[in-house]
PDB file of N, CA and C in Angstrom:
ATOM      1  N   MET A   1      17.489 -83.201   1.804  1.00  0.00           N
ATOM      2  CA  MET A   1      18.380 -83.081   2.938  1.00  0.00           C
ATOM      3  C   MET A   1      17.629 -83.146   4.264  1.00  0.00           C
ATOM      4  N   ALA A   2      16.535 -82.358   4.358  1.00  0.00           N
ATOM      5  CA  ALA A   2      15.785 -82.333   5.611  1.00  0.00           C
ATOM      6  C   ALA A   2      14.371 -81.858   5.342  1.00  0.00           C
ATOM      7  N   SER A   3      13.476 -82.237   6.237  1.00  0.00           N
ATOM      8  CA  SER A   3      12.081 -81.800   6.162  1.00  0.00           C
ATOM      9  C   SER A   3      11.636 -81.402   7.550  1.00  0.00           C
ATOM     10  N   LEU A   4      10.723 -80.459   7.618  1.00  0.00           N
ATOM     11  CA  LEU A   4      10.176 -79.997   8.887  1.00  0.00           C
ATOM     12  C   LEU A   4       8.675 -79.830   8.718  1.00  0.00           C
ATOM     13  N   SER A   5       7.928 -80.288   9.693  1.00  0.00           N
ATOM     14  CA  SER A   5       6.482 -80.109   9.719  1.00  0.00           C
ATOM     15  C   SER A   5       6.149 -79.568  11.104  1.00  0.00           C
ATOM     16  N   GLU A   6       5.502 -78.393  11.150  1.00  0.00           N
ATOM     17  CA  GLU A   6       5.249 -77.737  12.428  1.00  0.00           C
ATOM     18  C   GLU A   6       3.878 -77.071  12.417  1.00  0.00           C
ATOM     19  N   GLN A   7       3.171 -77.166  13.530  1.00  0.00           N
ATOM     20  CA  GLN A   7       1.878 -76.504  13.650  1.00  0.00           C
ATOM     21  C   GLN A   7       2.082 -75.016  13.878  1.00  0.00           C
ATOM     22  N   ILE A   8       1.197 -74.229  13.267  1.00  0.00           N
ATOM     23  CA  ILE A   8       1.149 -72.796  13.533  1.00  0.00           C
ATOM     24  C   ILE A   8      -0.211 -72.555  14.166  1.00  0.00           C
ATOM     25  N   HIS A   9      -0.192 -72.173  15.423  1.00  0.00           N
ATOM     26  CA  HIS A   9      -1.439 -72.039  16.173  1.00  0.00           C
ATOM     27  C   HIS A   9      -2.157 -70.735  15.852  1.00  0.00           C
ATOM     28  N   LEU A  10      -3.466 -70.817  15.759  1.00  0.00           N
ATOM     29  CA  LEU A  10      -4.349 -69.685  15.548  1.00  0.00           C
ATOM     30  C   LEU A  10      -3.918 -68.770  14.402  1.00  0.00           C
ATOM     31  N   PRO A  11      -3.791 -69.318  13.205  1.00  0.00           N
ATOM     32  CA  PRO A  11      -3.407 -68.465  12.080  1.00  0.00           C
ATOM     33  C   PRO A  11      -4.497 -67.437  11.786  1.00  0.00           C
ATOM     34  N   VAL A  12      -4.063 -66.203  11.549  1.00  0.00           N
ATOM     35  CA  VAL A  12      -4.988 -65.112  11.286  1.00  0.00           C
ATOM     36  C   VAL A  12      -5.450 -65.116   9.836  1.00  0.00           C
ATOM     37  N   SER A  13      -4.524 -65.389   8.932  1.00  0.00           N
ATOM     38  CA  SER A  13      -4.833 -65.402   7.502  1.00  0.00           C
ATOM     39  C   SER A  13      -3.887 -66.368   6.808  1.00  0.00           C
ATOM     40  N   SER A  14      -4.199 -66.700   5.575  1.00  0.00           N
ATOM     41  CA  SER A  14      -3.321 -67.600   4.833  1.00  0.00           C
ATOM     42  C   SER A  14      -1.969 -66.938   4.572  1.00  0.00           C
ATOM     43  N   ASP A  15      -1.950 -65.625   4.326  1.00  0.00           N
ATOM     44  CA  ASP A  15      -0.663 -64.942   4.122  1.00  0.00           C
ATOM     45  C   ASP A  15       0.166 -64.925   5.400  1.00  0.00           C
ATOM     46  N   MET A  16      -0.490 -64.793   6.557  1.00  0.00           N
ATOM     47  CA  MET A  16       0.239 -64.839   7.830  1.00  0.00           C
ATOM     48  C   MET A  16       0.864 -66.220   8.016  1.00  0.00           C
ATOM     49  N   VAL A  17       0.106 -67.260   7.705  1.00  0.00           N
ATOM     50  CA  VAL A  17       0.643 -68.622   7.805  1.00  0.00           C
ATOM     51  C   VAL A  17       1.837 -68.783   6.866  1.00  0.00           C
ATOM     52  N   GLU A  18       1.700 -68.296   5.635  1.00  0.00           N
ATOM     53  CA  GLU A  18       2.802 -68.373   4.669  1.00  0.00           C
ATOM     54  C   GLU A  18       4.021 -67.615   5.170  1.00  0.00           C
ATOM     55  N   ALA A  19       3.808 -66.439   5.766  1.00  0.00           N
ATOM     56  CA  ALA A  19       4.924 -65.645   6.285  1.00  0.00           C
ATOM     57  C   ALA A  19       5.618 -66.369   7.438  1.00  0.00           C
ATOM     58  N   LEU A  20       4.839 -66.912   8.357  1.00  0.00           N
ATOM     59  CA  LEU A  20       5.414 -67.661   9.482  1.00  0.00           C
ATOM     60  C   LEU A  20       6.161 -68.897   8.988  1.00  0.00           C
ATOM     61  N   ALA A  21       5.585 -69.590   8.010  1.00  0.00           N
ATOM     62  CA  ALA A  21       6.235 -70.785   7.454  1.00  0.00           C
ATOM     63  C   ALA A  21       7.532 -70.414   6.734  1.00  0.00           C
ATOM     64  N   ALA A  22       7.523 -69.317   5.994  1.00  0.00           N
ATOM     65  CA  ALA A  22       8.729 -68.877   5.291  1.00  0.00           C
ATOM     66  C   ALA A  22       9.829 -68.518   6.281  1.00  0.00           C
ATOM     67  N   ALA A  23       9.470 -67.780   7.325  1.00  0.00           N
ATOM     68  CA  ALA A  23      10.460 -67.401   8.334  1.00  0.00           C
ATOM     69  C   ALA A  23      11.030 -68.639   9.019  1.00  0.00           C
ATOM     70  N   ARG A  24      10.169 -69.607   9.319  1.00  0.00           N
ATOM     71  CA  ARG A  24      10.635 -70.844   9.977  1.00  0.00           C
ATOM     72  C   ARG A  24      11.516 -71.662   9.041  1.00  0.00           C
ATOM     73  N   ALA A  25      11.148 -71.694   7.760  1.00  0.00           N
ATOM     74  CA  ALA A  25      11.948 -72.443   6.781  1.00  0.00           C
ATOM     75  C   ALA A  25      13.342 -71.841   6.638  1.00  0.00           C
ATOM     76  N   ILE A  26      13.418 -70.523   6.606  1.00  0.00           N
ATOM     77  CA  ILE A  26      14.728 -69.859   6.513  1.00  0.00           C
ATOM     78  C   ILE A  26      15.560 -70.169   7.741  1.00  0.00           C
ATOM     79  N   SER A  27      14.962 -70.028   8.904  1.00  0.00           N
ATOM     80  CA  SER A  27      15.666 -70.323  10.156  1.00  0.00           C
ATOM     81  C   SER A  27      16.141 -71.773  10.202  1.00  0.00           C
ATOM     82  N   PHE A  28      15.264 -72.698   9.830  1.00  0.00           N
ATOM     83  CA  PHE A  28      15.596 -74.123   9.844  1.00  0.00           C
ATOM     84  C   PHE A  28      16.735 -74.435   8.877  1.00  0.00           C
ATOM     85  N   ALA A  29      16.660 -73.904   7.673  1.00  0.00           N
ATOM     86  CA  ALA A  29      17.712 -74.167   6.683  1.00  0.00           C
ATOM     87  C   ALA A  29      19.062 -73.657   7.171  1.00  0.00           C
ATOM     88  N   LEU A  30      19.079 -72.499   7.777  1.00  0.00           N
ATOM     89  CA  LEU A  30      20.341 -71.956   8.287  1.00  0.00           C
ATOM     90  C   LEU A  30      20.842 -72.745   9.498  1.00  0.00           C
ATOM     91  N   GLU A  31      19.914 -73.211  10.348  1.00  0.00           N
ATOM     92  CA  GLU A  31      20.288 -74.028  11.513  1.00  0.00           C
ATOM     93  C   GLU A  31      21.015 -75.303  11.095  1.00  0.00           C
ATOM     94  N   ILE A  32      20.581 -75.915  10.002  1.00  0.00           N
ATOM     95  CA  ILE A  32      21.192 -77.180   9.583  1.00  0.00           C
ATOM     96  C   ILE A  32      22.333 -76.963   8.583  1.00  0.00           C
ATOM     97  N   GLY A  33      22.661 -75.696   8.320  1.00  0.00           N
ATOM     98  CA  GLY A  33      23.793 -75.385   7.450  1.00  0.00           C
ATOM     99  C   GLY A  33      23.501 -75.507   5.968  1.00  0.00           C
ATOM    100  N   CYS A  34      22.279 -75.328   5.598  1.00  0.00           N
ATOM    101  CA  CYS A  34      21.884 -75.459   4.198  1.00  0.00           C
ATOM    102  C   CYS A  34      21.921 -74.086   3.526  1.00  0.00           C
ATOM    103  N   SER A  35      23.000 -73.810   2.826  1.00  0.00           N
ATOM    104  CA  SER A  35      23.108 -72.544   2.108  1.00  0.00           C
ATOM    105  C   SER A  35      24.047 -72.760   0.943  1.00  0.00           C
ATOM    106  N   PRO A  36      23.734 -72.317  -0.222  1.00  0.00           N
ATOM    107  CA  PRO A  36      22.552 -71.567  -0.635  1.00  0.00           C
ATOM    108  C   PRO A  36      21.339 -72.473  -0.775  1.00  0.00           C
ATOM    109  N   PHE A  37      20.173 -71.844  -0.817  1.00  0.00           N
ATOM    110  CA  PHE A  37      18.950 -72.594  -1.061  1.00  0.00           C
ATOM    111  C   PHE A  37      17.898 -71.677  -1.670  1.00  0.00           C
ATOM    112  N   ILE A  38      16.842 -72.288  -2.173  1.00  0.00           N
ATOM    113  CA  ILE A  38      15.723 -71.559  -2.758  1.00  0.00           C
ATOM    114  C   ILE A  38      14.506 -71.814  -1.880  1.00  0.00           C
ATOM    115  N   LEU A  39      13.872 -70.751  -1.420  1.00  0.00           N
ATOM    116  CA  LEU A  39      12.645 -70.872  -0.666  1.00  0.00           C
ATOM    117  C   LEU A  39      11.487 -70.703  -1.636  1.00  0.00           C
ATOM    118  N   GLU A  40      10.620 -71.696  -1.682  1.00  0.00           N
ATOM    119  CA  GLU A  40       9.451 -71.649  -2.561  1.00  0.00           C
ATOM    120  C   GLU A  40       8.198 -71.477  -1.718  1.00  0.00           C
ATOM    121  N   GLY A  41       7.290 -70.666  -2.219  1.00  0.00           N
ATOM    122  CA  GLY A  41       6.025 -70.462  -1.532  1.00  0.00           C
ATOM    123  C   GLY A  41       4.936 -70.159  -2.530  1.00  0.00           C
ATOM    124  N   ASP A  42       3.680 -70.354  -2.131  1.00  0.00           N
ATOM    125  CA  ASP A  42       2.596 -70.115  -3.080  1.00  0.00           C
ATOM    126  C   ASP A  42       1.877 -68.787  -2.855  1.00  0.00           C
ATOM    127  N   SER A  43       2.312 -68.006  -1.876  1.00  0.00           N
ATOM    128  CA  SER A  43       1.717 -66.692  -1.656  1.00  0.00           C
ATOM    129  C   SER A  43       2.510 -65.640  -2.434  1.00  0.00           C
ATOM    130  N   GLU A  44       1.856 -65.085  -3.436  1.00  0.00           N
ATOM    131  CA  GLU A  44       2.525 -64.066  -4.248  1.00  0.00           C
ATOM    132  C   GLU A  44       2.940 -62.875  -3.385  1.00  0.00           C
ATOM    133  N   LEU A  45       2.096 -62.475  -2.452  1.00  0.00           N
ATOM    134  CA  LEU A  45       2.392 -61.335  -1.595  1.00  0.00           C
ATOM    135  C   LEU A  45       3.611 -61.599  -0.706  1.00  0.00           C
ATOM    136  N   VAL A  46       3.695 -62.773  -0.127  1.00  0.00           N
ATOM    137  CA  VAL A  46       4.822 -63.110   0.742  1.00  0.00           C
ATOM    138  C   VAL A  46       6.120 -63.177  -0.062  1.00  0.00           C
ATOM    139  N   ILE A  47       6.105 -63.814  -1.217  1.00  0.00           N
ATOM    140  CA  ILE A  47       7.316 -63.920  -2.029  1.00  0.00           C
ATOM    141  C   ILE A  47       7.754 -62.540  -2.519  1.00  0.00           C
ATOM    142  N   LYS A  48       6.810 -61.709  -2.956  1.00  0.00           N
ATOM    143  CA  LYS A  48       7.166 -60.349  -3.382  1.00  0.00           C
ATOM    144  C   LYS A  48       7.779 -59.565  -2.233  1.00  0.00           C
ATOM    145  N   THR A  49       7.231 -59.721  -1.030  1.00  0.00           N
ATOM    146  CA  THR A  49       7.759 -59.029   0.137  1.00  0.00           C
ATOM    147  C   THR A  49       9.176 -59.502   0.447  1.00  0.00           C
ATOM    148  N   LEU A  50       9.413 -60.791   0.348  1.00  0.00           N
ATOM    149  CA  LEU A  50      10.757 -61.313   0.609  1.00  0.00           C
ATOM    150  C   LEU A  50      11.771 -60.823  -0.431  1.00  0.00           C
ATOM    151  N   CYS A  51      11.329 -60.655  -1.660  1.00  0.00           N
ATOM    152  CA  CYS A  51      12.219 -60.208  -2.732  1.00  0.00           C
ATOM    153  C   CYS A  51      12.440 -58.695  -2.721  1.00  0.00           C
ATOM    154  N   SER A  52      11.561 -57.976  -2.074  1.00  0.00           N
ATOM    155  CA  SER A  52      11.603 -56.517  -2.112  1.00  0.00           C
ATOM    156  C   SER A  52      12.660 -55.943  -1.166  1.00  0.00           C
ATOM    157  N   GLU A  53      13.221 -54.823  -1.578  1.00  0.00           N
ATOM    158  CA  GLU A  53      14.162 -54.087  -0.725  1.00  0.00           C
ATOM    159  C   GLU A  53      13.408 -53.229   0.295  1.00  0.00           C
ATOM    160  N   GLU A  54      12.151 -52.910  -0.003  1.00  0.00           N
ATOM    161  CA  GLU A  54      11.360 -52.027   0.848  1.00  0.00           C
ATOM    162  C   GLU A  54      10.734 -52.787   2.010  1.00  0.00           C
ATOM    163  N   ARG A  55      10.482 -52.059   3.075  1.00  0.00           N
ATOM    164  CA  ARG A  55       9.804 -52.643   4.235  1.00  0.00           C
ATOM    165  C   ARG A  55       8.323 -52.827   3.919  1.00  0.00           C
ATOM    166  N   SER A  56       7.774 -53.914   4.404  1.00  0.00           N
ATOM    167  CA  SER A  56       6.360 -54.208   4.167  1.00  0.00           C
ATOM    168  C   SER A  56       5.505 -53.606   5.270  1.00  0.00           C
ATOM    169  N   LEU A  57       4.369 -53.053   4.881  1.00  0.00           N
ATOM    170  CA  LEU A  57       3.405 -52.539   5.846  1.00  0.00           C
ATOM    171  C   LEU A  57       2.307 -53.558   6.142  1.00  0.00           C
ATOM    172  N   ALA A  58       2.432 -54.753   5.588  1.00  0.00           N
ATOM    173  CA  ALA A  58       1.451 -55.813   5.826  1.00  0.00           C
ATOM    174  C   ALA A  58       1.508 -56.245   7.292  1.00  0.00           C
ATOM    175  N   SER A  59       0.452 -56.889   7.747  1.00  0.00           N
ATOM    176  CA  SER A  59       0.389 -57.330   9.145  1.00  0.00           C
ATOM    177  C   SER A  59       1.501 -58.315   9.499  1.00  0.00           C
ATOM    178  N   PHE A  60       2.060 -58.964   8.494  1.00  0.00           N
ATOM    179  CA  PHE A  60       3.134 -59.933   8.728  1.00  0.00           C
ATOM    180  C   PHE A  60       4.495 -59.377   8.302  1.00  0.00           C
ATOM    181  N   GLY A  61       4.560 -58.105   7.961  1.00  0.00           N
ATOM    182  CA  GLY A  61       5.800 -57.501   7.467  1.00  0.00           C
ATOM    183  C   GLY A  61       6.967 -57.645   8.429  1.00  0.00           C
ATOM    184  N   HIS A  62       6.713 -57.466   9.715  1.00  0.00           N
ATOM    185  CA  HIS A  62       7.780 -57.583  10.711  1.00  0.00           C
ATOM    186  C   HIS A  62       8.369 -58.996  10.759  1.00  0.00           C
ATOM    187  N   ILE A  63       7.541 -59.985  10.523  1.00  0.00           N
ATOM    188  CA  ILE A  63       8.016 -61.373  10.527  1.00  0.00           C
ATOM    189  C   ILE A  63       8.982 -61.597   9.363  1.00  0.00           C
ATOM    190  N   LEU A  64       8.601 -61.099   8.197  1.00  0.00           N
ATOM    191  CA  LEU A  64       9.458 -61.274   7.022  1.00  0.00           C
ATOM    192  C   LEU A  64      10.708 -60.413   7.098  1.00  0.00           C
ATOM    193  N   GLU A  65      10.631 -59.247   7.726  1.00  0.00           N
ATOM    194  CA  GLU A  65      11.825 -58.408   7.891  1.00  0.00           C
ATOM    195  C   GLU A  65      12.856 -59.143   8.747  1.00  0.00           C
ATOM    196  N   SER A  66      12.411 -59.786   9.815  1.00  0.00           N
ATOM    197  CA  SER A  66      13.319 -60.569  10.661  1.00  0.00           C
ATOM    198  C   SER A  66      13.937 -61.715   9.878  1.00  0.00           C
ATOM    199  N   ALA A  67      13.116 -62.388   9.070  1.00  0.00           N
ATOM    200  CA  ALA A  67      13.612 -63.507   8.266  1.00  0.00           C
ATOM    201  C   ALA A  67      14.603 -63.022   7.225  1.00  0.00           C
ATOM    202  N   LYS A  68      14.316 -61.883   6.586  1.00  0.00           N
ATOM    203  CA  LYS A  68      15.224 -61.339   5.571  1.00  0.00           C
ATOM    204  C   LYS A  68      16.563 -60.947   6.194  1.00  0.00           C
ATOM    205  N   ALA A  69      16.539 -60.484   7.436  1.00  0.00           N
ATOM    206  CA  ALA A  69      17.783 -60.122   8.116  1.00  0.00           C
ATOM    207  C   ALA A  69      18.704 -61.333   8.255  1.00  0.00           C
ATOM    208  N   LEU A  70      18.111 -62.508   8.429  1.00  0.00           N
ATOM    209  CA  LEU A  70      18.913 -63.736   8.522  1.00  0.00           C
ATOM    210  C   LEU A  70      19.547 -64.100   7.188  1.00  0.00           C
ATOM    211  N   THR A  71      18.920 -63.695   6.098  1.00  0.00           N
ATOM    212  CA  THR A  71      19.366 -64.121   4.771  1.00  0.00           C
ATOM    213  C   THR A  71      20.454 -63.237   4.179  1.00  0.00           C
ATOM    214  N   GLU A  72      20.743 -62.094   4.782  1.00  0.00           N
ATOM    215  CA  GLU A  72      21.651 -61.131   4.177  1.00  0.00           C
ATOM    216  C   GLU A  72      23.037 -61.694   3.886  1.00  0.00           C
ATOM    217  N   ALA A  73      23.561 -62.532   4.742  1.00  0.00           N
ATOM    218  CA  ALA A  73      24.913 -63.071   4.540  1.00  0.00           C
ATOM    219  C   ALA A  73      24.903 -64.396   3.790  1.00  0.00           C
ATOM    220  N   ASN A  74      23.747 -64.851   3.372  1.00  0.00           N
ATOM    221  CA  ASN A  74      23.624 -66.154   2.725  1.00  0.00           C
ATOM    222  C   ASN A  74      23.029 -66.002   1.336  1.00  0.00           C
ATOM    223  N   CYS A  75      23.347 -66.939   0.473  1.00  0.00           N
ATOM    224  CA  CYS A  75      22.802 -66.927  -0.885  1.00  0.00           C
ATOM    225  C   CYS A  75      21.466 -67.657  -0.874  1.00  0.00           C
ATOM    226  N   ILE A  76      20.419 -66.894  -0.759  1.00  0.00           N
ATOM    227  CA  ILE A  76      19.078 -67.460  -0.720  1.00  0.00           C
ATOM    228  C   ILE A  76      18.254 -66.740  -1.776  1.00  0.00           C
ATOM    229  N   SER A  77      17.495 -67.498  -2.530  1.00  0.00           N
ATOM    230  CA  SER A  77      16.590 -66.867  -3.477  1.00  0.00           C
ATOM    231  C   SER A  77      15.175 -67.341  -3.180  1.00  0.00           C
ATOM    232  N   PHE A  78      14.222 -66.592  -3.691  1.00  0.00           N
ATOM    233  CA  PHE A  78      12.819 -66.858  -3.410  1.00  0.00           C
ATOM    234  C   PHE A  78      12.084 -67.084  -4.715  1.00  0.00           C
ATOM    235  N   SER A  79      11.156 -68.030  -4.701  1.00  0.00           N
ATOM    236  CA  SER A  79      10.420 -68.371  -5.908  1.00  0.00           C
ATOM    237  C   SER A  79       8.974 -68.664  -5.564  1.00  0.00           C
ATOM    238  N   ARG A  80       8.064 -68.120  -6.370  1.00  0.00           N
ATOM    239  CA  ARG A  80       6.644 -68.423  -6.174  1.00  0.00           C
ATOM    240  C   ARG A  80       6.298 -69.671  -6.973  1.00  0.00           C
ATOM    241  N   VAL A  81       5.715 -70.624  -6.304  1.00  0.00           N
ATOM    242  CA  VAL A  81       5.275 -71.867  -6.930  1.00  0.00           C
ATOM    243  C   VAL A  81       3.830 -72.077  -6.497  1.00  0.00           C
ATOM    244  N   ARG A  82       2.962 -72.226  -7.454  1.00  0.00           N
ATOM    245  CA  ARG A  82       1.559 -72.456  -7.098  1.00  0.00           C
ATOM    246  C   ARG A  82       1.430 -73.750  -6.309  1.00  0.00           C
ATOM    247  N   ARG A  83       0.439 -73.797  -5.438  1.00  0.00           N
ATOM    248  CA  ARG A  83       0.255 -74.952  -4.554  1.00  0.00           C
ATOM    249  C   ARG A  83       0.235 -76.266  -5.323  1.00  0.00           C
ATOM    250  N   ILE A  84      -0.405 -76.279  -6.474  1.00  0.00           N
ATOM    251  CA  ILE A  84      -0.489 -77.511  -7.258  1.00  0.00           C
ATOM    252  C   ILE A  84       0.899 -77.960  -7.729  1.00  0.00           C
ATOM    253  N   GLY A  85       1.838 -77.024  -7.839  1.00  0.00           N
ATOM    254  CA  GLY A  85       3.188 -77.347  -8.291  1.00  0.00           C
ATOM    255  C   GLY A  85       4.133 -77.731  -7.170  1.00  0.00           C
ATOM    256  N   ASN A  86       3.674 -77.666  -5.933  1.00  0.00           N
ATOM    257  CA  ASN A  86       4.539 -78.008  -4.814  1.00  0.00           C
ATOM    258  C   ASN A  86       3.811 -78.946  -3.869  1.00  0.00           C
ATOM    259  N   SER A  87       3.581 -80.141  -4.341  1.00  0.00           N
ATOM    260  CA  SER A  87       2.809 -81.114  -3.572  1.00  0.00           C
ATOM    261  C   SER A  87       3.545 -81.582  -2.317  1.00  0.00           C
ATOM    262  N   VAL A  88       4.870 -81.536  -2.305  1.00  0.00           N
ATOM    263  CA  VAL A  88       5.624 -81.950  -1.118  1.00  0.00           C
ATOM    264  C   VAL A  88       5.345 -80.974   0.027  1.00  0.00           C
ATOM    265  N   ALA A  89       5.463 -79.674  -0.238  1.00  0.00           N
ATOM    266  CA  ALA A  89       5.205 -78.677   0.807  1.00  0.00           C
ATOM    267  C   ALA A  89       3.751 -78.742   1.266  1.00  0.00           C
ATOM    268  N   HIS A  90       2.847 -78.919   0.337  1.00  0.00           N
ATOM    269  CA  HIS A  90       1.424 -79.006   0.678  1.00  0.00           C
ATOM    270  C   HIS A  90       1.170 -80.217   1.579  1.00  0.00           C
ATOM    271  N   ASN A  91       1.806 -81.339   1.282  1.00  0.00           N
ATOM    272  CA  ASN A  91       1.648 -82.541   2.093  1.00  0.00           C
ATOM    273  C   ASN A  91       2.237 -82.337   3.493  1.00  0.00           C
ATOM    274  N   LEU A  92       3.394 -81.676   3.585  1.00  0.00           N
ATOM    275  CA  LEU A  92       3.988 -81.400   4.900  1.00  0.00           C
ATOM    276  C   LEU A  92       3.079 -80.493   5.722  1.00  0.00           C
ATOM    277  N   ALA A  93       2.466 -79.510   5.062  1.00  0.00           N
ATOM    278  CA  ALA A  93       1.552 -78.612   5.766  1.00  0.00           C
ATOM    279  C   ALA A  93       0.338 -79.381   6.291  1.00  0.00           C
ATOM    280  N   LYS A  94      -0.205 -80.276   5.487  1.00  0.00           N
ATOM    281  CA  LYS A  94      -1.336 -81.089   5.940  1.00  0.00           C
ATOM    282  C   LYS A  94      -0.923 -81.978   7.105  1.00  0.00           C
ATOM    283  N   HIS A  95       0.289 -82.512   7.042  1.00  0.00           N
ATOM    284  CA  HIS A  95       0.793 -83.387   8.105  1.00  0.00           C
ATOM    285  C   HIS A  95       0.921 -82.631   9.430  1.00  0.00           C
ATOM    286  N   ALA A  96       1.221 -81.341   9.380  1.00  0.00           N
ATOM    287  CA  ALA A  96       1.419 -80.545  10.592  1.00  0.00           C
ATOM    288  C   ALA A  96       0.179 -80.509  11.478  1.00  0.00           C
ATOM    289  N   ARG A  97      -0.986 -80.704  10.883  1.00  0.00           N
ATOM    290  CA  ARG A  97      -2.210 -80.704  11.684  1.00  0.00           C
ATOM    291  C   ARG A  97      -2.216 -81.833  12.704  1.00  0.00           C
ATOM    292  N   TYR A  98      -1.428 -82.871  12.469  1.00  0.00           N
ATOM    293  CA  TYR A  98      -1.471 -84.060  13.315  1.00  0.00           C
ATOM    294  C   TYR A  98      -0.273 -84.207  14.233  1.00  0.00           C
ATOM    295  N   VAL A  99       0.634 -83.234  14.241  1.00  0.00           N
ATOM    296  CA  VAL A  99       1.782 -83.310  15.137  1.00  0.00           C
ATOM    297  C   VAL A  99       1.548 -82.368  16.309  1.00  0.00           C
ATOM    298  N   SER A 100       2.068 -82.712  17.475  1.00  0.00           N
ATOM    299  CA  SER A 100       1.807 -81.896  18.661  1.00  0.00           C
ATOM    300  C   SER A 100       2.660 -80.628  18.668  1.00  0.00           C
ATOM    301  N   ASN A 101       3.862 -80.679  18.179  1.00  0.00           N
ATOM    302  CA  ASN A 101       4.729 -79.511  18.160  1.00  0.00           C
ATOM    303  C   ASN A 101       5.338 -79.380  16.774  1.00  0.00           C
ATOM    304  N   TYR A 102       6.410 -80.118  16.548  1.00  0.00           N
ATOM    305  CA  TYR A 102       6.997 -80.170  15.215  1.00  0.00           C
ATOM    306  C   TYR A 102       7.740 -81.477  15.036  1.00  0.00           C
ATOM    307  N   THR A 103       7.959 -81.835  13.777  1.00  0.00           N
ATOM    308  CA  THR A 103       8.669 -83.055  13.433  1.00  0.00           C
ATOM    309  C   THR A 103       9.719 -82.720  12.394  1.00  0.00           C
ATOM    310  N   VAL A 104      10.909 -83.266  12.583  1.00  0.00           N
ATOM    311  CA  VAL A 104      12.019 -83.039  11.658  1.00  0.00           C
ATOM    312  C   VAL A 104      12.512 -84.391  11.162  1.00  0.00           C
ATOM    313  N   TRP A 105      12.799 -84.457   9.870  1.00  0.00           N
ATOM    314  CA  TRP A 105      13.407 -85.639   9.271  1.00  0.00           C
ATOM    315  C   TRP A 105      14.724 -85.199   8.648  1.00  0.00           C
ATOM    316  N   MET A 106      15.797 -85.859   9.023  1.00  0.00           N
ATOM    317  CA  MET A 106      17.117 -85.535   8.469  1.00  0.00           C
ATOM    318  C   MET A 106      17.592 -86.693   7.609  1.00  0.00           C
ATOM    319  N   LYS A 107      17.912 -86.393   6.377  1.00  0.00           N
ATOM    320  CA  LYS A 107      18.452 -87.353   5.413  1.00  0.00           C
ATOM    321  C   LYS A 107      17.524 -88.528   5.140  1.00  0.00           C
ATOM    322  N   ASP A 108      16.292 -88.425   5.555  1.00  0.00           N
ATOM    323  CA  ASP A 108      15.291 -89.457   5.295  1.00  0.00           C
ATOM    324  C   ASP A 108      14.072 -88.789   4.679  1.00  0.00           C
ATOM    325  N   VAL A 109      13.353 -89.541   3.929  1.00  0.00           N
ATOM    326  CA  VAL A 109      12.088 -89.053   3.381  1.00  0.00           C
ATOM    327  C   VAL A 109      11.002 -89.432   4.376  1.00  0.00           C
ATOM    328  N   PRO A 110      10.199 -88.453   4.799  1.00  0.00           N
ATOM    329  CA  PRO A 110       9.094 -88.803   5.699  1.00  0.00           C
ATOM    330  C   PRO A 110       8.196 -89.849   5.038  1.00  0.00           C
ATOM    331  N   PRO A 111       7.789 -90.863   5.789  1.00  0.00           N
ATOM    332  CA  PRO A 111       7.002 -91.949   5.202  1.00  0.00           C
ATOM    333  C   PRO A 111       5.771 -91.480   4.432  1.00  0.00           C
ATOM    334  N   HIS A 112       5.105 -90.446   4.921  1.00  0.00           N
ATOM    335  CA  HIS A 112       3.899 -89.975   4.242  1.00  0.00           C
ATOM    336  C   HIS A 112       4.202 -89.227   2.940  1.00  0.00           C
ATOM    337  N   LEU A 113       5.487 -89.018   2.624  1.00  0.00           N
ATOM    338  CA  LEU A 113       5.860 -88.317   1.388  1.00  0.00           C
ATOM    339  C   LEU A 113       6.344 -89.239   0.280  1.00  0.00           C
ATOM    340  N   TYR A 114       6.506 -90.521   0.560  1.00  0.00           N
ATOM    341  CA  TYR A 114       7.008 -91.432  -0.464  1.00  0.00           C
ATOM    342  C   TYR A 114       6.185 -91.359  -1.743  1.00  0.00           C
ATOM    343  N   TYR A 115       4.860 -91.484  -1.603  1.00  0.00           N
ATOM    344  CA  TYR A 115       4.023 -91.504  -2.812  1.00  0.00           C
ATOM    345  C   TYR A 115       4.030 -90.137  -3.511  1.00  0.00           C
ATOM    346  N   VAL A 116       4.169 -89.052  -2.741  1.00  0.00           N
ATOM    347  CA  VAL A 116       4.191 -87.715  -3.340  1.00  0.00           C
ATOM    348  C   VAL A 116       5.468 -87.512  -4.147  1.00  0.00           C
ATOM    349  N   LEU A 117       6.601 -87.909  -3.578  1.00  0.00           N
ATOM    350  CA  LEU A 117       7.869 -87.787  -4.288  1.00  0.00           C
ATOM    351  C   LEU A 117       7.914 -88.693  -5.517  1.00  0.00           C
ATOM    352  N   GLU A 118       7.345 -89.874  -5.377  1.00  0.00           N
ATOM    353  CA  GLU A 118       7.292 -90.794  -6.502  1.00  0.00           C
ATOM    354  C   GLU A 118       6.464 -90.201  -7.641  1.00  0.00           C
ATOM    355  N   ALA A 119       5.343 -89.577  -7.308  1.00  0.00           N
ATOM    356  CA  ALA A 119       4.496 -88.943  -8.333  1.00  0.00           C
ATOM    357  C   ALA A 119       5.188 -87.739  -8.943  1.00  0.00           C
ATOM    358  N   ASP A 120       5.948 -86.985  -8.143  1.00  0.00           N
ATOM    359  CA  ASP A 120       6.683 -85.816  -8.645  1.00  0.00           C
ATOM    360  C   ASP A 120       7.766 -86.213  -9.650  1.00  0.00           C
ATOM    361  N   SER A 121       8.399 -87.337  -9.398  1.00  0.00           N
ATOM    362  CA  SER A 121       9.507 -87.757 -10.262  1.00  0.00           C
ATOM    363  C   SER A 121       9.037 -88.439 -11.541  1.00  0.00           C
ATOM    364  N   SER A 122       7.746 -88.757 -11.616  1.00  0.00           N
ATOM    365  CA  SER A 122       7.207 -89.420 -12.812  1.00  0.00           C
ATOM    366  C   SER A 122       6.957 -88.441 -13.931  1.00  0.00           C
TER     367      SER A 122
END
């Protein structure tokens, strides 16, 4: 349906990047009216925090609490997928290094993802 690639400036840790990306993905999906949906991520800590009813004391806990607040009225589930199992997301993350702000593709496959999607479907 849609893809987004966005730079996250000065990431403190990989979990912080995952938390920021998860929050942005939730916001983006709701902005374009995509509900229900499944958010996949490769950080076990971030996915556990999103699934948990308890507040997180992690440095990125406040970011995920805000994102979870957006999900309360929507059917959203969370799933941990190892990086090797989610080559599309990994490719979008690599692509973000080369964009000045962010790039969105609606109803089109980003050109740099054709070969990744083709390999996924094989």
